[in-house]
Amino acid sequence: MVQFLQQLINGLSIGSVYALMAVGYSLVYSIMNFSNFAHGGVIMFGAYFGFFFLTLFHFSFPVAFVSAALCTALLAVLIERTAYKPLRERKAPFLYFIICAMGASIFLENLVIAIPAIGPTFRTYPEIFSKEPFHLGLLTIGRLDVLMFIISAVCLALLVYFIDYTKVGKAIQATSYNIKASALMGINTDHIIIIIFALGGLFAGIAGVLFGMKYTVYPQIGMITNKSFIAAVFGGLGSLPGAVIGSILLGIIETFTSGYISSQYRDLIAFVLLIGILVVRPSGLMGKTTEDKA
């Protein structure tokens, strides 16, 4: 029972970070109908922004944390303006968006490697919080795991409130339902697209900092978004509750696989899950069946 609870806690911690990553995929997909694979590059930049704000500029953790999130929000908007907006204006097929997103992801990764001050070196965040874990009976809970879960839960709750109870949030919902009808009703859909990319970038920066603190920072850290994409598909692309639930379930499944079988099967189980959900229920747990989405 102790091992079960321990793995459950670990799964909730990593699953909450997956959720921060997955909502970026779901927000973009809900309106633009394509999977933004450049999201991984934004998360990678978030991890680097947080690291350099702490080590090079000597910001306090709250200031570095917020600054990294704001920088990645701006980066995500910049990607949309330079890479995706021209395609939207030409009404390009969705396949072009996917190719462009993959190209942007590769560009961001290689840009970091090419910058002499950064390069491919692995970097470790300074010790911000004590590594002494909390002890709850026989359970051991890391301070960073608790911090990751709390920050993720608060951020996701604020996002849900923003989407459900604000005027802009209602406009986002309307645009996700039918972008053409929303434009006819007076909603500036171009501004809405900017907002969803900014939100996705903001959450990507938060996830990047948290993930970098728990592990290390390196140019290929954006590959972790493969897991968040699986979580988004599992929960249902375009559904924010689905993205959160899928992420938590994926985190728990991975930690139980590592704890009870072998860590070597952790990634295998994740991709088997992806294939299985696409075969059995392509729309995911909470997604809606749509056409012409990639």
Protein backbone atom coordinates (compact mmCIF):
# COMPACT_ATOMS: atom_id res chain seq x y z
CA MET A 1 0.00 0.00 0.00
CA VAL A 2 2.85 2.40 0.80
CA GLN A 3 4.45 1.84 -2.59
CA PHE A 4 1.07 2.30 -4.27
CA LEU A 5 0.51 5.65 -2.57
CA GLN A 6 4.10 6.71 -3.28
CA GLN A 7 3.75 6.00 -6.99
CA LEU A 8 0.37 7.74 -7.03
CA ILE A 9 1.89 10.91 -5.55
CA ASN A 10 4.75 10.83 -8.05
CA GLY A 11 2.27 10.32 -10.88
CA LEU A 12 0.14 13.29 -9.80
CA SER A 13 3.25 15.48 -9.68
CA ILE A 14 4.54 14.70 -13.18
CA GLY A 15 1.00 14.48 -14.56
CA SER A 16 0.27 18.03 -13.40
CA VAL A 17 3.24 19.31 -15.43
CA TYR A 18 2.09 17.29 -18.44
CA ALA A 19 -1.25 19.06 -18.04
CA LEU A 20 0.39 22.49 -18.28
CA MET A 21 2.01 21.39 -21.53
CA ALA A 22 -1.09 19.67 -22.92
CA VAL A 23 -3.42 22.66 -22.52
CA GLY A 24 -1.24 24.55 -25.01
CA TYR A 25 -1.88 21.86 -27.61
CA SER A 26 -5.59 21.81 -26.84
CA LEU A 27 -6.05 25.59 -26.96
CA VAL A 28 -4.44 25.89 -30.38
CA TYR A 29 -6.14 22.78 -31.76
CA SER A 30 -9.59 23.89 -30.57
CA ILE A 31 -9.47 26.96 -32.81
CA MET A 32 -6.89 26.37 -35.56
CA ASN A 33 -7.51 22.62 -36.06
CA PHE A 34 -3.88 21.55 -36.14
CA SER A 35 -1.31 20.26 -33.65
CA ASN A 36 1.28 22.91 -32.83
CA PHE A 37 4.46 20.84 -32.70
CA ALA A 38 6.53 24.01 -32.16
CA HIS A 39 5.12 23.96 -28.62
CA GLY A 40 8.06 21.81 -27.50
CA GLY A 41 10.54 24.48 -28.57
CA VAL A 42 8.65 27.07 -26.52
CA ILE A 43 8.81 24.82 -23.45
CA MET A 44 12.55 24.38 -24.00
CA PHE A 45 13.02 28.16 -24.14
CA GLY A 46 10.99 28.47 -20.96
CA ALA A 47 13.40 26.16 -19.15
CA TYR A 48 16.38 28.18 -20.43
CA PHE A 49 14.78 31.54 -19.62
CA GLY A 50 14.16 30.45 -16.03
CA PHE A 51 17.69 29.09 -15.68
CA PHE A 52 19.43 32.23 -16.97
CA PHE A 53 17.16 34.59 -15.05
CA LEU A 54 18.18 32.78 -11.87
CA THR A 55 21.90 32.28 -12.58
CA LEU A 56 22.92 35.13 -14.89
CA PHE A 57 20.60 37.94 -13.76
CA HIS A 58 20.22 36.66 -10.17
CA PHE A 59 16.48 37.23 -10.07
CA SER A 60 14.54 35.86 -7.14
CA PHE A 61 12.61 32.69 -7.96
CA PRO A 62 9.15 34.35 -8.20
CA VAL A 63 10.49 37.09 -10.50
CA ALA A 64 12.43 34.59 -12.66
CA PHE A 65 9.40 32.29 -12.80
CA VAL A 66 7.00 35.01 -13.96
CA SER A 67 9.57 36.55 -16.34
CA ALA A 68 10.21 33.19 -18.03
CA ALA A 69 6.47 32.61 -18.50
CA LEU A 70 5.97 36.09 -20.01
CA CYS A 71 8.94 35.63 -22.36
CA THR A 72 7.60 32.32 -23.67
CA ALA A 73 4.15 33.90 -24.13
CA LEU A 74 5.77 36.53 -26.35
CA LEU A 75 7.77 33.84 -28.16
CA ALA A 76 4.62 31.82 -28.89
CA VAL A 77 2.87 34.91 -30.28
CA LEU A 78 5.95 35.70 -32.40
CA ILE A 79 5.87 32.19 -33.87
CA GLU A 80 2.19 32.56 -34.71
CA ARG A 81 2.68 35.97 -36.34
CA THR A 82 5.67 34.95 -38.46
CA ALA A 83 4.96 31.30 -39.24
CA TYR A 84 1.22 30.62 -39.05
CA LYS A 85 -0.49 33.92 -39.85
CA PRO A 86 0.78 34.02 -43.48
CA LEU A 87 -0.56 30.49 -43.96
CA ARG A 88 -3.93 31.47 -42.48
CA GLU A 89 -4.19 34.48 -44.76
CA ARG A 90 -3.55 32.27 -47.79
CA LYS A 91 -6.00 29.66 -46.46
CA ALA A 92 -3.31 26.99 -46.72
CA PRO A 93 -4.19 23.32 -46.08
CA PHE A 94 -3.74 22.09 -42.51
CA LEU A 95 -0.86 19.88 -43.62
CA TYR A 96 1.16 23.02 -44.33
CA PHE A 97 0.62 24.19 -40.75
CA ILE A 98 1.94 20.90 -39.40
CA ILE A 99 5.02 21.03 -41.63
CA CYS A 100 5.62 24.64 -40.63
CA ALA A 101 5.24 23.77 -36.92
CA MET A 102 7.75 20.94 -37.19
CA GLY A 103 10.16 23.26 -39.00
CA ALA A 104 9.77 25.91 -36.28
CA SER A 105 10.47 23.30 -33.60
CA ILE A 106 13.67 22.16 -35.33
CA PHE A 107 14.71 25.80 -35.87
CA LEU A 108 14.29 26.70 -32.17
CA GLU A 109 16.22 23.64 -31.01
CA ASN A 110 19.12 24.26 -33.37
CA LEU A 111 19.10 27.99 -32.61
CA VAL A 112 19.86 27.23 -28.97
CA ILE A 113 22.63 24.81 -29.93
CA ALA A 114 24.16 27.38 -32.34
CA ILE A 115 24.31 30.18 -29.73
CA PRO A 116 27.84 30.01 -28.24
CA ALA A 117 26.70 31.17 -24.80
CA ILE A 118 24.24 28.26 -24.54
CA GLY A 119 25.21 25.35 -26.79
CA PRO A 120 24.29 21.71 -26.24
CA THR A 121 25.60 21.61 -22.65
CA PHE A 122 23.35 20.14 -19.97
CA ARG A 123 22.59 22.69 -17.26
CA THR A 124 21.23 22.22 -13.76
CA TYR A 125 19.08 24.71 -11.90
CA PRO A 126 20.56 26.07 -8.66
CA GLU A 127 19.10 24.63 -5.47
CA ILE A 128 16.18 26.93 -4.76
CA PHE A 129 14.27 24.78 -2.31
CA SER A 130 15.55 22.34 0.24
CA LYS A 131 15.89 18.79 -1.01
CA GLU A 132 14.79 17.48 2.37
CA PRO A 133 11.48 15.73 1.65
CA PHE A 134 8.32 15.75 3.69
CA HIS A 135 7.61 12.57 5.61
CA LEU A 136 4.02 11.45 6.03
CA GLY A 137 4.24 8.18 7.88
CA LEU A 138 6.18 5.87 5.57
CA LEU A 139 5.55 8.11 2.58
CA THR A 140 8.27 10.43 1.26
CA ILE A 141 7.10 13.49 -0.64
CA GLY A 142 9.63 15.78 -2.31
CA ARG A 143 9.23 19.52 -1.72
CA LEU A 144 9.61 20.18 -5.43
CA ASP A 145 6.90 17.64 -6.24
CA VAL A 146 4.52 19.45 -3.89
CA LEU A 147 5.46 22.79 -5.44
CA MET A 148 4.93 21.45 -8.98
CA PHE A 149 1.50 20.10 -8.11
CA ILE A 150 0.34 23.26 -6.31
CA ILE A 151 1.56 25.66 -9.01
CA SER A 152 0.05 23.50 -11.76
CA ALA A 153 -3.27 23.17 -9.95
CA VAL A 154 -3.52 26.93 -9.31
CA CYS A 155 -2.58 27.83 -12.91
CA LEU A 156 -5.06 25.35 -14.39
CA ALA A 157 -7.82 26.56 -12.06
CA LEU A 158 -7.15 30.16 -13.12
CA LEU A 159 -7.28 29.11 -16.77
CA VAL A 160 -10.63 27.38 -16.29
CA TYR A 161 -11.99 30.48 -14.55
CA PHE A 162 -10.69 32.70 -17.37
CA ILE A 163 -12.26 30.53 -20.08
CA ASP A 164 -15.61 30.04 -18.32
CA TYR A 165 -16.27 33.37 -16.60
CA THR A 166 -14.68 36.18 -18.62
CA LYS A 167 -15.80 37.93 -21.77
CA VAL A 168 -12.61 36.99 -23.61
CA GLY A 169 -13.03 33.41 -22.44
CA LYS A 170 -16.55 33.29 -23.87
CA ALA A 171 -15.17 34.65 -27.14
CA ILE A 172 -12.56 31.86 -27.14
CA GLN A 173 -15.31 29.28 -26.62
CA ALA A 174 -17.39 30.75 -29.44
CA THR A 175 -14.40 30.86 -31.78
CA SER A 176 -13.50 27.26 -31.00
CA TYR A 177 -17.06 26.22 -31.84
CA ASN A 178 -17.17 28.02 -35.20
CA ILE A 179 -14.52 30.54 -36.17
CA LYS A 180 -16.39 31.83 -39.25
CA ALA A 181 -19.65 32.39 -37.39
CA SER A 182 -17.76 34.11 -34.56
CA ALA A 183 -16.17 36.52 -37.03
CA LEU A 184 -19.60 37.33 -38.48
CA MET A 185 -20.90 38.05 -34.97
CA GLY A 186 -18.20 40.70 -34.46
CA ILE A 187 -15.51 38.74 -32.61
CA ASN A 188 -12.00 39.67 -33.72
CA THR A 189 -10.79 36.13 -34.33
CA ASP A 190 -7.26 37.31 -35.11
CA HIS A 191 -6.99 38.75 -31.60
CA ILE A 192 -8.42 35.55 -30.15
CA ILE A 193 -5.73 33.51 -31.92
CA ILE A 194 -3.07 35.80 -30.46
CA ILE A 195 -4.56 35.29 -26.99
CA ILE A 196 -4.63 31.49 -27.21
CA PHE A 197 -1.03 31.39 -28.40
CA ALA A 198 -0.05 33.74 -25.57
CA LEU A 199 -1.86 31.51 -23.06
CA GLY A 200 -0.27 28.39 -24.52
CA GLY A 201 3.15 30.03 -24.39
CA LEU A 202 2.57 31.21 -20.82
CA PHE A 203 1.77 27.70 -19.64
CA ALA A 204 4.66 26.31 -21.69
CA GLY A 205 7.05 28.62 -19.85
CA ILE A 206 5.68 27.56 -16.47
CA ALA A 207 6.01 23.89 -17.42
CA GLY A 208 9.52 24.44 -18.78
CA VAL A 209 10.74 26.03 -15.55
CA LEU A 210 9.18 23.33 -13.36
CA PHE A 211 10.48 20.51 -15.54
CA GLY A 212 13.94 22.08 -15.72
CA MET A 213 14.05 22.40 -11.94
CA LYS A 214 13.14 18.76 -11.42
CA TYR A 215 15.50 17.38 -14.05
CA THR A 216 18.02 19.24 -16.24
CA VAL A 217 17.94 21.77 -19.06
CA TYR A 218 19.16 20.86 -22.54
CA PRO A 219 18.15 21.68 -26.14
CA GLN A 220 16.16 18.47 -26.62
CA ILE A 221 14.04 18.96 -23.50
CA GLY A 222 11.15 19.91 -25.79
CA MET A 223 10.85 16.23 -26.72
CA ILE A 224 8.94 15.80 -23.47
CA THR A 225 6.00 17.38 -25.30
CA ASN A 226 5.57 14.03 -27.03
CA LYS A 227 4.15 12.89 -23.70
CA SER A 228 1.92 15.94 -23.33
CA PHE A 229 0.69 15.44 -26.90
CA ILE A 230 -0.18 11.84 -26.05
CA ALA A 231 -2.00 13.13 -22.96
CA ALA A 232 -3.92 15.68 -25.05
CA VAL A 233 -4.93 12.99 -27.56
CA PHE A 234 -5.82 10.61 -24.73
CA GLY A 235 -8.08 13.18 -23.08
CA GLY A 236 -9.40 14.56 -26.37
CA LEU A 237 -7.68 17.22 -28.48
CA GLY A 238 -9.48 20.54 -28.17
CA SER A 239 -10.88 19.73 -24.72
CA LEU A 240 -9.20 21.46 -21.76
CA PRO A 241 -10.73 19.13 -19.12
CA GLY A 242 -9.73 16.21 -21.33
CA ALA A 243 -6.15 17.49 -21.57
CA VAL A 244 -5.90 17.76 -17.77
CA ILE A 245 -7.47 14.35 -17.09
CA GLY A 246 -5.43 12.67 -19.83
CA SER A 247 -2.23 14.19 -18.44
CA ILE A 248 -2.90 13.09 -14.87
CA LEU A 249 -3.79 9.57 -16.02
CA LEU A 250 -0.67 9.37 -18.21
CA GLY A 251 1.54 10.52 -15.34
CA ILE A 252 0.05 7.91 -13.02
CA ILE A 253 0.30 5.14 -15.65
CA GLU A 254 3.96 5.98 -16.28
CA THR A 255 4.97 5.99 -12.62
CA PHE A 256 3.12 2.76 -11.91
CA THR A 257 4.82 1.18 -14.92
CA SER A 258 8.23 2.29 -13.62
CA GLY A 259 7.46 1.20 -10.05
CA TYR A 260 5.85 -2.18 -10.70
CA ILE A 261 7.33 -3.31 -14.03
CA SER A 262 10.41 -1.43 -15.26
CA SER A 263 11.36 2.13 -16.15
CA GLN A 264 12.47 0.79 -19.54
CA TYR A 265 8.81 0.24 -20.45
CA ARG A 266 7.71 3.72 -19.40
CA ASP A 267 7.85 5.32 -22.84
CA LEU A 268 6.66 2.14 -24.53
CA ILE A 269 3.49 2.11 -22.46
CA ALA A 270 2.84 5.77 -23.33
CA PHE A 271 3.00 5.18 -27.08
CA VAL A 272 1.01 1.95 -26.85
CA LEU A 273 -1.62 4.01 -25.07
CA LEU A 274 -1.57 6.55 -27.92
CA ILE A 275 -2.04 3.85 -30.56
CA GLY A 276 -4.76 2.18 -28.53
CA ILE A 277 -6.81 5.34 -28.02
CA LEU A 278 -6.52 6.26 -31.71
CA VAL A 279 -7.80 2.81 -32.69
CA VAL A 280 -10.55 2.47 -30.08
CA ARG A 281 -11.68 6.08 -29.58
CA PRO A 282 -9.95 8.58 -31.91
CA SER A 283 -11.73 11.55 -30.33
CA GLY A 284 -10.24 10.73 -26.91
CA LEU A 285 -11.98 10.45 -23.55
CA MET A 286 -13.67 13.85 -23.68
CA GLY A 287 -13.07 15.06 -27.24
CA LYS A 288 -15.68 15.56 -29.93
CA THR A 289 -15.52 13.88 -33.29
CA THR A 290 -14.52 16.44 -35.91
CA GLU A 291 -13.51 16.33 -39.53
CA ASP A 292 -10.42 17.58 -41.28
CA LYS A 293 -8.32 18.02 -38.13
CA ALA A 294 -4.69 16.95 -38.02
